[in-house]
Amino acid sequence: MSSIKPLADRVLLKVLEQESKTSSGIYIPETATEKTQKAEVVEIGESEDIKVKKGDIVIYDKYAGIQIKDGDTEYLIVKNEEIVALIKK
């Protein structure tokens, strides 16, 4: 998906899959879980206001962005201000 380059203050995110089972081994069906809000930063626009970099794991607004699917992988293009937190590794 590196052929997409976000413009201005936009960021391309790869949505991270949610765990499908609990720590005790119980499987959780997709219908019982909400959409994850964690993603990895894949590409960033050219704005100097963007504080994240490629490879960062972030949390974004629940209804943010434009969805793009590439096979089984889900991507989002979001505005910089729709990223609400950076997860430290």
C-alpha atoms as a PDB file:
ATOM      1  CA  MET A   1       0.000   0.000   0.000  1.00  0.00           C
ATOM      2  CA  SER A   2       3.052   2.244  -0.149  1.00  0.00           C
ATOM      3  CA  SER A   3       1.806   3.558  -3.508  1.00  0.00           C
ATOM      4  CA  ILE A   4      -0.530   5.907  -1.603  1.00  0.00           C
ATOM      5  CA  LYS A   5       1.014   9.153  -0.345  1.00  0.00           C
ATOM      6  CA  PRO A   6      -1.255  11.273   1.891  1.00  0.00           C
ATOM      7  CA  LEU A   7      -1.323  15.005   1.194  1.00  0.00           C
ATOM      8  CA  ALA A   8      -1.017  17.988   3.560  1.00  0.00           C
ATOM      9  CA  ASP A   9      -1.975  17.028   7.140  1.00  0.00           C
ATOM     10  CA  ARG A  10      -3.220  13.514   6.334  1.00  0.00           C
ATOM     11  CA  VAL A  11      -1.770  10.234   7.645  1.00  0.00           C
ATOM     12  CA  LEU A  12      -2.107   6.721   6.166  1.00  0.00           C
ATOM     13  CA  LEU A  13      -2.748   4.135   8.890  1.00  0.00           C
ATOM     14  CA  LYS A  14      -2.759   0.332   8.791  1.00  0.00           C
ATOM     15  CA  VAL A  15      -5.520  -0.810  11.133  1.00  0.00           C
ATOM     16  CA  LEU A  16      -4.264  -3.388  13.647  1.00  0.00           C
ATOM     17  CA  GLU A  17      -6.330  -6.512  14.116  1.00  0.00           C
ATOM     18  CA  GLN A  18      -8.004  -7.046  17.442  1.00  0.00           C
ATOM     19  CA  GLU A  19      -7.248 -10.142  19.491  1.00  0.00           C
ATOM     20  CA  SER A  20      -9.742 -12.889  18.650  1.00  0.00           C
ATOM     21  CA  LYS A  21      -9.363 -14.714  21.955  1.00  0.00           C
ATOM     22  CA  THR A  22      -9.035 -13.807  25.606  1.00  0.00           C
ATOM     23  CA  SER A  23      -5.971 -14.466  27.760  1.00  0.00           C
ATOM     24  CA  SER A  24      -7.721 -17.577  29.106  1.00  0.00           C
ATOM     25  CA  GLY A  25      -8.160 -18.985  25.576  1.00  0.00           C
ATOM     26  CA  ILE A  26     -11.834 -18.190  24.923  1.00  0.00           C
ATOM     27  CA  TYR A  27     -12.490 -17.179  21.300  1.00  0.00           C
ATOM     28  CA  ILE A  28     -14.428 -13.951  20.751  1.00  0.00           C
ATOM     29  CA  PRO A  29     -16.614 -13.757  17.612  1.00  0.00           C
ATOM     30  CA  GLU A  30     -16.232 -10.660  15.393  1.00  0.00           C
ATOM     31  CA  THR A  31     -19.863  -9.725  16.021  1.00  0.00           C
ATOM     32  CA  ALA A  32     -19.175  -9.376  19.752  1.00  0.00           C
ATOM     33  CA  THR A  33     -16.340  -6.874  19.419  1.00  0.00           C
ATOM     34  CA  GLU A  34     -16.179  -3.219  18.467  1.00  0.00           C
ATOM     35  CA  LYS A  35     -13.938  -1.921  15.705  1.00  0.00           C
ATOM     36  CA  THR A  36     -10.385  -1.464  16.927  1.00  0.00           C
ATOM     37  CA  GLN A  37      -8.984   2.048  17.115  1.00  0.00           C
ATOM     38  CA  LYS A  38      -5.288   1.123  17.068  1.00  0.00           C
ATOM     39  CA  ALA A  39      -3.207   1.470  13.936  1.00  0.00           C
ATOM     40  CA  GLU A  40       0.340   1.651  12.633  1.00  0.00           C
ATOM     41  CA  VAL A  41       1.471   4.761  10.765  1.00  0.00           C
ATOM     42  CA  VAL A  42       2.417   3.743   7.199  1.00  0.00           C
ATOM     43  CA  GLU A  43       2.854   7.118   5.432  1.00  0.00           C
ATOM     44  CA  ILE A  44       2.543  10.772   6.432  1.00  0.00           C
ATOM     45  CA  GLY A  45       1.695  13.952   4.546  1.00  0.00           C
ATOM     46  CA  GLU A  46       4.042  16.898   4.116  1.00  0.00           C
ATOM     47  CA  SER A  47       2.631  19.132   6.869  1.00  0.00           C
ATOM     48  CA  GLU A  48       5.079  20.188   9.580  1.00  0.00           C
ATOM     49  CA  ASP A  49       2.244  19.873  12.137  1.00  0.00           C
ATOM     50  CA  ILE A  50       2.308  16.063  11.978  1.00  0.00           C
ATOM     51  CA  LYS A  51       3.891  14.716  15.183  1.00  0.00           C
ATOM     52  CA  VAL A  52       3.884  10.980  14.341  1.00  0.00           C
ATOM     53  CA  LYS A  53       6.333   9.075  12.154  1.00  0.00           C
ATOM     54  CA  LYS A  54       6.294   5.869  10.126  1.00  0.00           C
ATOM     55  CA  GLY A  55       6.077   2.786  12.334  1.00  0.00           C
ATOM     56  CA  ASP A  56       4.400   4.539  15.296  1.00  0.00           C
ATOM     57  CA  ILE A  57       1.392   2.822  16.873  1.00  0.00           C
ATOM     58  CA  VAL A  58      -1.458   5.274  17.454  1.00  0.00           C
ATOM     59  CA  ILE A  59      -5.047   5.494  18.640  1.00  0.00           C
ATOM     60  CA  TYR A  60      -7.441   7.412  16.405  1.00  0.00           C
ATOM     61  CA  ASP A  61     -10.995   8.790  16.705  1.00  0.00           C
ATOM     62  CA  LYS A  62     -13.647   6.091  16.383  1.00  0.00           C
ATOM     63  CA  TYR A  63     -15.326   7.526  13.272  1.00  0.00           C
ATOM     64  CA  ALA A  64     -12.212   9.014  11.671  1.00  0.00           C
ATOM     65  CA  GLY A  65     -10.906   8.722   8.176  1.00  0.00           C
ATOM     66  CA  ILE A  66     -11.532   7.190   4.807  1.00  0.00           C
ATOM     67  CA  GLN A  67     -11.382   3.378   4.720  1.00  0.00           C
ATOM     68  CA  ILE A  68      -9.337   1.586   2.073  1.00  0.00           C
ATOM     69  CA  LYS A  69      -9.049  -2.214   1.762  1.00  0.00           C
ATOM     70  CA  ASP A  70      -6.154  -4.007   0.108  1.00  0.00           C
ATOM     71  CA  GLY A  71      -6.909  -7.725   0.218  1.00  0.00           C
ATOM     72  CA  ASP A  72      -7.434  -8.589   3.887  1.00  0.00           C
ATOM     73  CA  THR A  73      -5.622  -5.474   5.116  1.00  0.00           C
ATOM     74  CA  GLU A  74      -7.601  -2.401   6.156  1.00  0.00           C
ATOM     75  CA  TYR A  75      -6.119   1.081   5.875  1.00  0.00           C
ATOM     76  CA  LEU A  76      -7.389   4.525   6.867  1.00  0.00           C
ATOM     77  CA  ILE A  77      -6.467   7.982   5.686  1.00  0.00           C
ATOM     78  CA  VAL A  78      -7.052  10.332   8.631  1.00  0.00           C
ATOM     79  CA  LYS A  79      -6.398  13.970   9.408  1.00  0.00           C
ATOM     80  CA  ASN A  80      -3.533  14.616  11.807  1.00  0.00           C
ATOM     81  CA  GLU A  81      -5.936  15.958  14.464  1.00  0.00           C
ATOM     82  CA  GLU A  82      -7.959  12.697  14.372  1.00  0.00           C
ATOM     83  CA  ILE A  83      -4.977  10.881  15.921  1.00  0.00           C
ATOM     84  CA  VAL A  84      -5.571  11.169  19.651  1.00  0.00           C
ATOM     85  CA  ALA A  85      -2.677   9.237  21.224  1.00  0.00           C
ATOM     86  CA  LEU A  86       0.703   7.656  20.574  1.00  0.00           C
ATOM     87  CA  ILE A  87       1.359   4.252  22.164  1.00  0.00           C
ATOM     88  CA  LYS A  88       4.906   4.050  23.529  1.00  0.00           C
ATOM     89  CA  LYS A  89       6.681   0.749  22.911  1.00  0.00           C
END
